[in-house]
Amino acid sequence: MSQNHIFFECAYSQGLWQLVLGLCSIKRSIGTWLQEFNWATSCLKSKSFLLCLLKLVWNAVVYFFWCERNSRLFGNSSNSVEVLLEKVKDVVLFRLSGRCPIDSNPINNRLCLE
């Protein structure tokens, strides 16, 4: 399994990333690991609430991709894309709790409150 396969080239990871991007109202095609990494490092530089949220989401997605890979290789178990999406949303909500109010913004609501 290559890095590109685990991160964004297999249908599973593309499906989760596409769902996450959709929740963020970002419409773009998904590239290789390097393309996605370059996108994240170049586009997520501001300290606005939305970009802080996207940074949390990016990190959670990469983390859960790696956990899923390990679970499949060493634990003989797997999760659906929907389960991973809920895990990402739970982590983002937990990390935001008590730190800053969640604006009544459709993107924030889709990622944090639904």
PDB file of N, CA and C in Angstrom:
ATOM      1  N   MET A   1       0.836  -1.179   0.000  1.00  0.00           N
ATOM      2  CA  MET A   1       0.000   0.000   0.000  1.00  0.00           C
ATOM      3  C   MET A   1       0.885   1.248   0.000  1.00  0.00           C
ATOM      4  N   SER A   2       0.702   2.100  -0.962  1.00  0.00           N
ATOM      5  CA  SER A   2       1.517   3.307  -1.033  1.00  0.00           C
ATOM      6  C   SER A   2       0.854   4.454  -0.253  1.00  0.00           C
ATOM      7  N   GLN A   3       1.642   5.448   0.008  1.00  0.00           N
ATOM      8  CA  GLN A   3       1.148   6.648   0.673  1.00  0.00           C
ATOM      9  C   GLN A   3       0.016   7.263  -0.136  1.00  0.00           C
ATOM     10  N   ASN A   4       0.169   7.337  -1.452  1.00  0.00           N
ATOM     11  CA  ASN A   4      -0.882   7.913  -2.291  1.00  0.00           C
ATOM     12  C   ASN A   4      -2.157   7.097  -2.226  1.00  0.00           C
ATOM     13  N   HIS A   5      -2.014   5.774  -2.147  1.00  0.00           N
ATOM     14  CA  HIS A   5      -3.211   4.942  -2.078  1.00  0.00           C
ATOM     15  C   HIS A   5      -3.966   5.186  -0.772  1.00  0.00           C
ATOM     16  N   ILE A   6      -3.247   5.163   0.343  1.00  0.00           N
ATOM     17  CA  ILE A   6      -3.889   5.359   1.647  1.00  0.00           C
ATOM     18  C   ILE A   6      -4.542   6.736   1.732  1.00  0.00           C
ATOM     19  N   PHE A   7      -3.826   7.745   1.273  1.00  0.00           N
ATOM     20  CA  PHE A   7      -4.302   9.116   1.377  1.00  0.00           C
ATOM     21  C   PHE A   7      -4.766   9.601   0.009  1.00  0.00           C
ATOM     22  N   PHE A   8      -6.051   9.452  -0.254  1.00  0.00           N
ATOM     23  CA  PHE A   8      -6.751  10.122  -1.350  1.00  0.00           C
ATOM     24  C   PHE A   8      -6.807   9.409  -2.689  1.00  0.00           C
ATOM     25  N   GLU A   9      -6.126   8.285  -2.894  1.00  0.00           N
ATOM     26  CA  GLU A   9      -6.263   7.622  -4.184  1.00  0.00           C
ATOM     27  C   GLU A   9      -7.232   6.448  -4.171  1.00  0.00           C
ATOM     28  N   CYS A  10      -7.428   5.804  -3.027  1.00  0.00           N
ATOM     29  CA  CYS A  10      -8.395   4.698  -3.008  1.00  0.00           C
ATOM     30  C   CYS A  10      -9.802   5.277  -2.885  1.00  0.00           C
ATOM     31  N   ALA A  11     -10.778   4.513  -3.335  1.00  0.00           N
ATOM     32  CA  ALA A  11     -12.174   4.982  -3.346  1.00  0.00           C
ATOM     33  C   ALA A  11     -12.652   5.323  -1.936  1.00  0.00           C
ATOM     34  N   TYR A  12     -12.203   4.570  -0.953  1.00  0.00           N
ATOM     35  CA  TYR A  12     -12.602   4.792   0.440  1.00  0.00           C
ATOM     36  C   TYR A  12     -12.162   6.169   0.932  1.00  0.00           C
ATOM     37  N   SER A  13     -10.864   6.463   0.790  1.00  0.00           N
ATOM     38  CA  SER A  13     -10.360   7.747   1.274  1.00  0.00           C
ATOM     39  C   SER A  13     -10.892   8.905   0.434  1.00  0.00           C
ATOM     40  N   GLN A  14     -11.036   8.692  -0.862  1.00  0.00           N
ATOM     41  CA  GLN A  14     -11.629   9.736  -1.705  1.00  0.00           C
ATOM     42  C   GLN A  14     -13.060  10.021  -1.292  1.00  0.00           C
ATOM     43  N   GLY A  15     -13.800   8.955  -0.956  1.00  0.00           N
ATOM     44  CA  GLY A  15     -15.194   9.138  -0.532  1.00  0.00           C
ATOM     45  C   GLY A  15     -15.312   9.976   0.718  1.00  0.00           C
ATOM     46  N   LEU A  16     -14.468   9.680   1.719  1.00  0.00           N
ATOM     47  CA  LEU A  16     -14.507  10.462   2.959  1.00  0.00           C
ATOM     48  C   LEU A  16     -14.082  11.894   2.705  1.00  0.00           C
ATOM     49  N   TRP A  17     -12.995  12.086   1.980  1.00  0.00           N
ATOM     50  CA  TRP A  17     -12.491  13.441   1.728  1.00  0.00           C
ATOM     51  C   TRP A  17     -13.504  14.248   0.922  1.00  0.00           C
ATOM     52  N   GLN A  18     -14.168  13.615  -0.027  1.00  0.00           N
ATOM     53  CA  GLN A  18     -15.184  14.310  -0.820  1.00  0.00           C
ATOM     54  C   GLN A  18     -16.358  14.728   0.070  1.00  0.00           C
ATOM     55  N   LEU A  19     -16.777  13.855   0.990  1.00  0.00           N
ATOM     56  CA  LEU A  19     -17.847  14.218   1.932  1.00  0.00           C
ATOM     57  C   LEU A  19     -17.433  15.403   2.807  1.00  0.00           C
ATOM     58  N   VAL A  20     -16.203  15.357   3.304  1.00  0.00           N
ATOM     59  CA  VAL A  20     -15.712  16.435   4.162  1.00  0.00           C
ATOM     60  C   VAL A  20     -15.637  17.747   3.392  1.00  0.00           C
ATOM     61  N   LEU A  21     -15.085  17.700   2.186  1.00  0.00           N
ATOM     62  CA  LEU A  21     -15.014  18.917   1.375  1.00  0.00           C
ATOM     63  C   LEU A  21     -16.410  19.457   1.096  1.00  0.00           C
ATOM     64  N   GLY A  22     -17.347  18.564   0.813  1.00  0.00           N
ATOM     65  CA  GLY A  22     -18.727  18.988   0.577  1.00  0.00           C
ATOM     66  C   GLY A  22     -19.324  19.675   1.793  1.00  0.00           C
ATOM     67  N   LEU A  23     -19.076  19.134   2.993  1.00  0.00           N
ATOM     68  CA  LEU A  23     -19.567  19.771   4.212  1.00  0.00           C
ATOM     69  C   LEU A  23     -18.957  21.154   4.408  1.00  0.00           C
ATOM     70  N   CYS A  24     -17.754  21.328   3.880  1.00  0.00           N
ATOM     71  CA  CYS A  24     -17.064  22.625   3.971  1.00  0.00           C
ATOM     72  C   CYS A  24     -17.424  23.546   2.808  1.00  0.00           C
ATOM     73  N   SER A  25     -18.313  23.089   1.933  1.00  0.00           N
ATOM     74  CA  SER A  25     -18.706  23.836   0.728  1.00  0.00           C
ATOM     75  C   SER A  25     -17.516  24.114  -0.179  1.00  0.00           C
ATOM     76  N   ILE A  26     -16.600  23.154  -0.244  1.00  0.00           N
ATOM     77  CA  ILE A  26     -15.440  23.269  -1.122  1.00  0.00           C
ATOM     78  C   ILE A  26     -15.653  22.307  -2.273  1.00  0.00           C
ATOM     79  N   LYS A  27     -15.653  22.856  -3.472  1.00  0.00           N
ATOM     80  CA  LYS A  27     -15.841  22.044  -4.667  1.00  0.00           C
ATOM     81  C   LYS A  27     -14.538  22.040  -5.451  1.00  0.00           C
ATOM     82  N   ARG A  28     -13.872  20.910  -5.431  1.00  0.00           N
ATOM     83  CA  ARG A  28     -12.620  20.761  -6.149  1.00  0.00           C
ATOM     84  C   ARG A  28     -12.365  19.276  -6.337  1.00  0.00           C
ATOM     85  N   SER A  29     -11.560  18.969  -7.337  1.00  0.00           N
ATOM     86  CA  SER A  29     -11.226  17.564  -7.552  1.00  0.00           C
ATOM     87  C   SER A  29     -10.146  17.148  -6.559  1.00  0.00           C
ATOM     88  N   ILE A  30     -10.139  15.868  -6.237  1.00  0.00           N
ATOM     89  CA  ILE A  30      -9.187  15.327  -5.278  1.00  0.00           C
ATOM     90  C   ILE A  30      -7.962  14.837  -6.029  1.00  0.00           C
ATOM     91  N   GLY A  31      -6.796  15.213  -5.523  1.00  0.00           N
ATOM     92  CA  GLY A  31      -5.553  14.823  -6.174  1.00  0.00           C
ATOM     93  C   GLY A  31      -4.806  13.768  -5.388  1.00  0.00           C
ATOM     94  N   THR A  32      -3.529  13.679  -5.636  1.00  0.00           N
ATOM     95  CA  THR A  32      -2.654  12.754  -4.922  1.00  0.00           C
ATOM     96  C   THR A  32      -2.395  13.299  -3.522  1.00  0.00           C
ATOM     97  N   TRP A  33      -1.722  12.489  -2.709  1.00  0.00           N
ATOM     98  CA  TRP A  33      -1.350  12.931  -1.372  1.00  0.00           C
ATOM     99  C   TRP A  33      -0.569  14.238  -1.430  1.00  0.00           C
ATOM    100  N   LEU A  34       0.413  14.331  -2.310  1.00  0.00           N
ATOM    101  CA  LEU A  34       1.227  15.531  -2.402  1.00  0.00           C
ATOM    102  C   LEU A  34       0.400  16.741  -2.837  1.00  0.00           C
ATOM    103  N   GLN A  35      -0.493  16.556  -3.789  1.00  0.00           N
ATOM    104  CA  GLN A  35      -1.355  17.660  -4.227  1.00  0.00           C
ATOM    105  C   GLN A  35      -2.270  18.122  -3.100  1.00  0.00           C
ATOM    106  N   GLU A  36      -2.845  17.184  -2.369  1.00  0.00           N
ATOM    107  CA  GLU A  36      -3.733  17.551  -1.260  1.00  0.00           C
ATOM    108  C   GLU A  36      -2.947  18.202  -0.132  1.00  0.00           C
ATOM    109  N   PHE A  37      -1.771  17.680   0.147  1.00  0.00           N
ATOM    110  CA  PHE A  37      -0.918  18.277   1.177  1.00  0.00           C
ATOM    111  C   PHE A  37      -0.527  19.706   0.786  1.00  0.00           C
ATOM    112  N   ASN A  38      -0.130  19.898  -0.470  1.00  0.00           N
ATOM    113  CA  ASN A  38       0.216  21.240  -0.945  1.00  0.00           C
ATOM    114  C   ASN A  38      -0.980  22.177  -0.883  1.00  0.00           C
ATOM    115  N   TRP A  39      -2.159  21.669  -1.227  1.00  0.00           N
ATOM    116  CA  TRP A  39      -3.376  22.486  -1.131  1.00  0.00           C
ATOM    117  C   TRP A  39      -3.588  22.920   0.316  1.00  0.00           C
ATOM    118  N   ALA A  40      -3.486  21.969   1.244  1.00  0.00           N
ATOM    119  CA  ALA A  40      -3.731  22.281   2.653  1.00  0.00           C
ATOM    120  C   ALA A  40      -2.708  23.274   3.189  1.00  0.00           C
ATOM    121  N   THR A  41      -1.440  23.064   2.874  1.00  0.00           N
ATOM    122  CA  THR A  41      -0.417  23.961   3.414  1.00  0.00           C
ATOM    123  C   THR A  41      -0.442  25.339   2.775  1.00  0.00           C
ATOM    124  N   SER A  42      -0.924  25.446   1.550  1.00  0.00           N
ATOM    125  CA  SER A  42      -0.965  26.766   0.912  1.00  0.00           C
ATOM    126  C   SER A  42      -2.277  27.501   1.172  1.00  0.00           C
ATOM    127  N   CYS A  43      -3.361  26.787   1.336  1.00  0.00           N
ATOM    128  CA  CYS A  43      -4.669  27.440   1.468  1.00  0.00           C
ATOM    129  C   CYS A  43      -5.130  27.624   2.909  1.00  0.00           C
ATOM    130  N   LEU A  44      -4.554  26.918   3.843  1.00  0.00           N
ATOM    131  CA  LEU A  44      -5.043  26.967   5.222  1.00  0.00           C
ATOM    132  C   LEU A  44      -4.093  27.752   6.124  1.00  0.00           C
ATOM    133  N   LYS A  45      -3.710  28.936   5.678  1.00  0.00           N
ATOM    134  CA  LYS A  45      -2.727  29.736   6.419  1.00  0.00           C
ATOM    135  C   LYS A  45      -3.336  30.786   7.342  1.00  0.00           C
ATOM    136  N   SER A  46      -4.519  31.233   7.070  1.00  0.00           N
ATOM    137  CA  SER A  46      -5.126  32.304   7.853  1.00  0.00           C
ATOM    138  C   SER A  46      -5.531  31.800   9.241  1.00  0.00           C
ATOM    139  N   LYS A  47      -5.819  32.727  10.123  1.00  0.00           N
ATOM    140  CA  LYS A  47      -6.265  32.371  11.463  1.00  0.00           C
ATOM    141  C   LYS A  47      -7.763  32.604  11.632  1.00  0.00           C
ATOM    142  N   SER A  48      -8.491  32.732  10.540  1.00  0.00           N
ATOM    143  CA  SER A  48      -9.937  32.904  10.643  1.00  0.00           C
ATOM    144  C   SER A  48     -10.541  31.628  11.219  1.00  0.00           C
ATOM    145  N   PHE A  49     -11.736  31.764  11.787  1.00  0.00           N
ATOM    146  CA  PHE A  49     -12.384  30.608  12.395  1.00  0.00           C
ATOM    147  C   PHE A  49     -12.571  29.489  11.384  1.00  0.00           C
ATOM    148  N   LEU A  50     -13.020  29.833  10.190  1.00  0.00           N
ATOM    149  CA  LEU A  50     -13.264  28.808   9.173  1.00  0.00           C
ATOM    150  C   LEU A  50     -11.978  28.062   8.828  1.00  0.00           C
ATOM    151  N   LEU A  51     -10.887  28.770   8.667  1.00  0.00           N
ATOM    152  CA  LEU A  51      -9.636  28.094   8.333  1.00  0.00           C
ATOM    153  C   LEU A  51      -9.086  27.295   9.513  1.00  0.00           C
ATOM    154  N   CYS A  52      -9.299  27.761  10.729  1.00  0.00           N
ATOM    155  CA  CYS A  52      -8.926  26.947  11.898  1.00  0.00           C
ATOM    156  C   CYS A  52      -9.740  25.664  11.916  1.00  0.00           C
ATOM    157  N   LEU A  53     -11.002  25.770  11.581  1.00  0.00           N
ATOM    158  CA  LEU A  53     -11.872  24.602  11.497  1.00  0.00           C
ATOM    159  C   LEU A  53     -11.377  23.639  10.424  1.00  0.00           C
ATOM    160  N   LEU A  54     -11.016  24.183   9.268  1.00  0.00           N
ATOM    161  CA  LEU A  54     -10.516  23.334   8.179  1.00  0.00           C
ATOM    162  C   LEU A  54      -9.194  22.658   8.548  1.00  0.00           C
ATOM    163  N   LYS A  55      -8.344  23.344   9.300  1.00  0.00           N
ATOM    164  CA  LYS A  55      -7.096  22.720   9.752  1.00  0.00           C
ATOM    165  C   LYS A  55      -7.388  21.541  10.670  1.00  0.00           C
ATOM    166  N   LEU A  56      -8.330  21.726  11.576  1.00  0.00           N
ATOM    167  CA  LEU A  56      -8.725  20.624  12.457  1.00  0.00           C
ATOM    168  C   LEU A  56      -9.269  19.457  11.648  1.00  0.00           C
ATOM    169  N   VAL A  57     -10.107  19.768  10.677  1.00  0.00           N
ATOM    170  CA  VAL A  57     -10.701  18.736   9.835  1.00  0.00           C
ATOM    171  C   VAL A  57      -9.614  17.994   9.063  1.00  0.00           C
ATOM    172  N   TRP A  58      -8.702  18.729   8.452  1.00  0.00           N
ATOM    173  CA  TRP A  58      -7.612  18.120   7.684  1.00  0.00           C
ATOM    174  C   TRP A  58      -6.835  17.137   8.563  1.00  0.00           C
ATOM    175  N   ASN A  59      -6.437  17.596   9.745  1.00  0.00           N
ATOM    176  CA  ASN A  59      -5.659  16.745  10.639  1.00  0.00           C
ATOM    177  C   ASN A  59      -6.444  15.524  11.095  1.00  0.00           C
ATOM    178  N   ALA A  60      -7.717  15.697  11.382  1.00  0.00           N
ATOM    179  CA  ALA A  60      -8.551  14.575  11.809  1.00  0.00           C
ATOM    180  C   ALA A  60      -8.706  13.557  10.681  1.00  0.00           C
ATOM    181  N   VAL A  61      -8.919  14.021   9.461  1.00  0.00           N
ATOM    182  CA  VAL A  61      -9.068  13.105   8.325  1.00  0.00           C
ATOM    183  C   VAL A  61      -7.794  12.301   8.108  1.00  0.00           C
ATOM    184  N   VAL A  62      -6.653  12.954   8.102  1.00  0.00           N
ATOM    185  CA  VAL A  62      -5.385  12.246   7.905  1.00  0.00           C
ATOM    186  C   VAL A  62      -5.161  11.245   9.040  1.00  0.00           C
ATOM    187  N   TYR A  63      -5.443  11.656  10.261  1.00  0.00           N
ATOM    188  CA  TYR A  63      -5.282  10.763  11.407  1.00  0.00           C
ATOM    189  C   TYR A  63      -6.172   9.528  11.274  1.00  0.00           C
ATOM    190  N   PHE A  64      -7.447   9.724  10.932  1.00  0.00           N
ATOM    191  CA  PHE A  64      -8.354   8.586  10.850  1.00  0.00           C
ATOM    192  C   PHE A  64      -8.095   7.715   9.619  1.00  0.00           C
ATOM    193  N   PHE A  65      -7.566   8.281   8.553  1.00  0.00           N
ATOM    194  CA  PHE A  65      -7.120   7.436   7.441  1.00  0.00           C
ATOM    195  C   PHE A  65      -6.044   6.468   7.940  1.00  0.00           C
ATOM    196  N   TRP A  66      -5.093   6.990   8.704  1.00  0.00           N
ATOM    197  CA  TRP A  66      -4.000   6.154   9.197  1.00  0.00           C
ATOM    198  C   TRP A  66      -4.521   5.110  10.194  1.00  0.00           C
ATOM    199  N   CYS A  67      -5.424   5.514  11.069  1.00  0.00           N
ATOM    200  CA  CYS A  67      -6.015   4.558  12.012  1.00  0.00           C
ATOM    201  C   CYS A  67      -6.769   3.459  11.269  1.00  0.00           C
ATOM    202  N   GLU A  68      -7.502   3.830  10.239  1.00  0.00           N
ATOM    203  CA  GLU A  68      -8.250   2.851   9.453  1.00  0.00           C
ATOM    204  C   GLU A  68      -7.298   1.888   8.760  1.00  0.00           C
ATOM    205  N   ARG A  69      -6.224   2.402   8.226  1.00  0.00           N
ATOM    206  CA  ARG A  69      -5.214   1.553   7.593  1.00  0.00           C
ATOM    207  C   ARG A  69      -4.678   0.546   8.581  1.00  0.00           C
ATOM    208  N   ASN A  70      -4.320   0.996   9.789  1.00  0.00           N
ATOM    209  CA  ASN A  70      -3.798   0.094  10.808  1.00  0.00           C
ATOM    210  C   ASN A  70      -4.837  -0.915  11.263  1.00  0.00           C
ATOM    211  N   SER A  71      -6.064  -0.481  11.397  1.00  0.00           N
ATOM    212  CA  SER A  71      -7.142  -1.381  11.794  1.00  0.00           C
ATOM    213  C   SER A  71      -7.346  -2.493  10.773  1.00  0.00           C
ATOM    214  N   ARG A  72      -7.280  -2.140   9.512  1.00  0.00           N
ATOM    215  CA  ARG A  72      -7.450  -3.139   8.453  1.00  0.00           C
ATOM    216  C   ARG A  72      -6.260  -4.088   8.371  1.00  0.00           C
ATOM    217  N   LEU A  73      -5.052  -3.560   8.562  1.00  0.00           N
ATOM    218  CA  LEU A  73      -3.859  -4.404   8.452  1.00  0.00           C
ATOM    219  C   LEU A  73      -3.636  -5.280   9.682  1.00  0.00           C
ATOM    220  N   PHE A  74      -3.853  -4.733  10.860  1.00  0.00           N
ATOM    221  CA  PHE A  74      -3.474  -5.428  12.079  1.00  0.00           C
ATOM    222  C   PHE A  74      -4.650  -5.912  12.921  1.00  0.00           C
ATOM    223  N   GLY A  75      -5.817  -5.329  12.723  1.00  0.00           N
ATOM    224  CA  GLY A  75      -6.957  -5.700  13.555  1.00  0.00           C
ATOM    225  C   GLY A  75      -8.044  -6.445  12.818  1.00  0.00           C
ATOM    226  N   ASN A  76      -7.874  -6.611  11.512  1.00  0.00           N
ATOM    227  CA  ASN A  76      -8.872  -7.303  10.691  1.00  0.00           C
ATOM    228  C   ASN A  76     -10.273  -6.727  10.856  1.00  0.00           C
ATOM    229  N   SER A  77     -10.358  -5.412  11.005  1.00  0.00           N
ATOM    230  CA  SER A  77     -11.662  -4.759  11.079  1.00  0.00           C
ATOM    231  C   SER A  77     -11.627  -3.480  10.255  1.00  0.00           C
ATOM    232  N   SER A  78     -12.801  -3.016   9.900  1.00  0.00           N
ATOM    233  CA  SER A  78     -12.876  -1.785   9.114  1.00  0.00           C
ATOM    234  C   SER A  78     -14.148  -1.031   9.476  1.00  0.00           C
ATOM    235  N   ASN A  79     -14.140   0.239   9.173  1.00  0.00           N
ATOM    236  CA  ASN A  79     -15.293   1.112   9.397  1.00  0.00           C
ATOM    237  C   ASN A  79     -15.803   1.620   8.063  1.00  0.00           C
ATOM    238  N   SER A  80     -17.065   1.967   8.031  1.00  0.00           N
ATOM    239  CA  SER A  80     -17.620   2.586   6.827  1.00  0.00           C
ATOM    240  C   SER A  80     -17.147   4.037   6.751  1.00  0.00           C
ATOM    241  N   VAL A  81     -17.275   4.609   5.578  1.00  0.00           N
ATOM    242  CA  VAL A  81     -16.940   6.026   5.397  1.00  0.00           C
ATOM    243  C   VAL A  81     -17.788   6.882   6.330  1.00  0.00           C
ATOM    244  N   GLU A  82     -19.048   6.513   6.488  1.00  0.00           N
ATOM    245  CA  GLU A  82     -19.953   7.285   7.351  1.00  0.00           C
ATOM    246  C   GLU A  82     -19.496   7.257   8.812  1.00  0.00           C
ATOM    247  N   VAL A  83     -18.996   6.110   9.268  1.00  0.00           N
ATOM    248  CA  VAL A  83     -18.491   6.013  10.644  1.00  0.00           C
ATOM    249  C   VAL A  83     -17.262   6.903  10.809  1.00  0.00           C
ATOM    250  N   LEU A  84     -16.368   6.872   9.846  1.00  0.00           N
ATOM    251  CA  LEU A  84     -15.186   7.729   9.924  1.00  0.00           C
ATOM    252  C   LEU A  84     -15.564   9.205   9.889  1.00  0.00           C
ATOM    253  N   LEU A  85     -16.551   9.554   9.073  1.00  0.00           N
ATOM    254  CA  LEU A  85     -17.012  10.948   9.028  1.00  0.00           C
ATOM    255  C   LEU A  85     -17.522  11.381  10.397  1.00  0.00           C
ATOM    256  N   GLU A  86     -18.275  10.537  11.065  1.00  0.00           N
ATOM    257  CA  GLU A  86     -18.766  10.870  12.406  1.00  0.00           C
ATOM    258  C   GLU A  86     -17.616  11.017  13.391  1.00  0.00           C
ATOM    259  N   LYS A  87     -16.604  10.179  13.271  1.00  0.00           N
ATOM    260  CA  LYS A  87     -15.428  10.292  14.141  1.00  0.00           C
ATOM    261  C   LYS A  87     -14.716  11.617  13.906  1.00  0.00           C
ATOM    262  N   VAL A  88     -14.572  12.007  12.653  1.00  0.00           N
ATOM    263  CA  VAL A  88     -13.941  13.292  12.322  1.00  0.00           C
ATOM    264  C   VAL A  88     -14.747  14.426  12.940  1.00  0.00           C
ATOM    265  N   LYS A  89     -16.049  14.396  12.758  1.00  0.00           N
ATOM    266  CA  LYS A  89     -16.902  15.456  13.304  1.00  0.00           C
ATOM    267  C   LYS A  89     -16.842  15.495  14.825  1.00  0.00           C
ATOM    268  N   ASP A  90     -16.806  14.323  15.465  1.00  0.00           N
ATOM    269  CA  ASP A  90     -16.718  14.273  16.926  1.00  0.00           C
ATOM    270  C   ASP A  90     -15.412  14.889  17.426  1.00  0.00           C
ATOM    271  N   VAL A  91     -14.305  14.570  16.765  1.00  0.00           N
ATOM    272  CA  VAL A  91     -13.007  15.113  17.175  1.00  0.00           C
ATOM    273  C   VAL A  91     -12.989  16.626  16.989  1.00  0.00           C
ATOM    274  N   VAL A  92     -13.491  17.098  15.872  1.00  0.00           N
ATOM    275  CA  VAL A  92     -13.503  18.540  15.613  1.00  0.00           C
ATOM    276  C   VAL A  92     -14.355  19.250  16.664  1.00  0.00           C
ATOM    277  N   LEU A  93     -15.526  18.720  16.942  1.00  0.00           N
ATOM    278  CA  LEU A  93     -16.401  19.334  17.940  1.00  0.00           C
ATOM    279  C   LEU A  93     -15.744  19.329  19.317  1.00  0.00           C
ATOM    280  N   PHE A  94     -15.120  18.204  19.673  1.00  0.00           N
ATOM    281  CA  PHE A  94     -14.433  18.125  20.964  1.00  0.00           C
ATOM    282  C   PHE A  94     -13.309  19.143  21.059  1.00  0.00           C
ATOM    283  N   ARG A  95     -12.496  19.252  20.020  1.00  0.00           N
ATOM    284  CA  ARG A  95     -11.371  20.189  20.030  1.00  0.00           C
ATOM    285  C   ARG A  95     -11.844  21.637  20.109  1.00  0.00           C
ATOM    286  N   LEU A  96     -13.038  21.911  19.574  1.00  0.00           N
ATOM    287  CA  LEU A  96     -13.552  23.280  19.605  1.00  0.00           C
ATOM    288  C   LEU A  96     -14.294  23.604  20.892  1.00  0.00           C
ATOM    289  N   SER A  97     -14.729  22.605  21.608  1.00  0.00           N
ATOM    290  CA  SER A  97     -15.554  22.850  22.790  1.00  0.00           C
ATOM    291  C   SER A  97     -14.782  23.666  23.825  1.00  0.00           C
ATOM    292  N   GLY A  98     -15.417  24.733  24.238  1.00  0.00           N
ATOM    293  CA  GLY A  98     -14.829  25.587  25.253  1.00  0.00           C
ATOM    294  C   GLY A  98     -13.775  26.547  24.763  1.00  0.00           C
ATOM    295  N   ARG A  99     -13.418  26.480  23.501  1.00  0.00           N
ATOM    296  CA  ARG A  99     -12.345  27.351  22.993  1.00  0.00           C
ATOM    297  C   ARG A  99     -12.879  28.602  22.304  1.00  0.00           C
ATOM    298  N   CYS A 100     -13.880  28.431  21.500  1.00  0.00           N
ATOM    299  CA  CYS A 100     -14.458  29.584  20.827  1.00  0.00           C
ATOM    300  C   CYS A 100     -15.893  29.232  20.447  1.00  0.00           C
ATOM    301  N   PRO A 101     -16.761  30.209  20.421  1.00  0.00           N
ATOM    302  CA  PRO A 101     -18.152  29.915  20.062  1.00  0.00           C
ATOM    303  C   PRO A 101     -18.259  29.515  18.594  1.00  0.00           C
ATOM    304  N   ILE A 102     -19.163  28.621  18.319  1.00  0.00           N
ATOM    305  CA  ILE A 102     -19.412  28.202  16.943  1.00  0.00           C
ATOM    306  C   ILE A 102     -20.438  29.165  16.354  1.00  0.00           C
ATOM    307  N   ASP A 103     -19.990  29.944  15.381  1.00  0.00           N
ATOM    308  CA  ASP A 103     -20.876  30.895  14.725  1.00  0.00           C
ATOM    309  C   ASP A 103     -22.045  30.169  14.096  1.00  0.00           C
ATOM    310  N   SER A 104     -23.135  30.891  13.950  1.00  0.00           N
ATOM    311  CA  SER A 104     -24.282  30.333  13.249  1.00  0.00           C
ATOM    312  C   SER A 104     -24.037  30.479  11.755  1.00  0.00           C
ATOM    313  N   ASN A 105     -23.174  29.641  11.245  1.00  0.00           N
ATOM    314  CA  ASN A 105     -22.743  29.657   9.859  1.00  0.00           C
ATOM    315  C   ASN A 105     -23.046  28.270   9.299  1.00  0.00           C
ATOM    316  N   PRO A 106     -23.601  28.184   8.086  1.00  0.00           N
ATOM    317  CA  PRO A 106     -23.968  26.863   7.554  1.00  0.00           C
ATOM    318  C   PRO A 106     -22.819  25.863   7.521  1.00  0.00           C
ATOM    319  N   ILE A 107     -21.622  26.301   7.163  1.00  0.00           N
ATOM    320  CA  ILE A 107     -20.481  25.377   7.117  1.00  0.00           C
ATOM    321  C   ILE A 107     -20.137  24.907   8.524  1.00  0.00           C
ATOM    322  N   ASN A 108     -20.059  25.824   9.458  1.00  0.00           N
ATOM    323  CA  ASN A 108     -19.755  25.452  10.845  1.00  0.00           C
ATOM    324  C   ASN A 108     -20.805  24.486  11.377  1.00  0.00           C
ATOM    325  N   ASN A 109     -22.068  24.761  11.092  1.00  0.00           N
ATOM    326  CA  ASN A 109     -23.142  23.899  11.571  1.00  0.00           C
ATOM    327  C   ASN A 109     -23.027  22.493  10.985  1.00  0.00           C
ATOM    328  N   ARG A 110     -22.732  22.383   9.691  1.00  0.00           N
ATOM    329  CA  ARG A 110     -22.622  21.057   9.072  1.00  0.00           C
ATOM    330  C   ARG A 110     -21.478  20.259   9.670  1.00  0.00           C
ATOM    331  N   LEU A 111     -20.377  20.920   9.955  1.00  0.00           N
ATOM    332  CA  LEU A 111     -19.213  20.211  10.481  1.00  0.00           C
ATOM    333  C   LEU A 111     -19.289  19.958  11.973  1.00  0.00           C
ATOM    334  N   CYS A 112     -19.898  20.861  12.708  1.00  0.00           N
ATOM    335  CA  CYS A 112     -19.798  20.794  14.172  1.00  0.00           C
ATOM    336  C   CYS A 112     -21.084  20.440  14.884  1.00  0.00           C
ATOM    337  N   LEU A 113     -22.203  20.781  14.326  1.00  0.00           N
ATOM    338  CA  LEU A 113     -23.435  20.636  15.089  1.00  0.00           C
ATOM    339  C   LEU A 113     -24.346  19.527  14.610  1.00  0.00           C
ATOM    340  N   GLU A 114     -24.250  19.155  13.358  1.00  0.00           N
ATOM    341  CA  GLU A 114     -25.166  18.134  12.845  1.00  0.00           C
ATOM    342  C   GLU A 114     -24.694  16.749  13.189  1.00  0.00           C
TER     343      GLU A 114
END
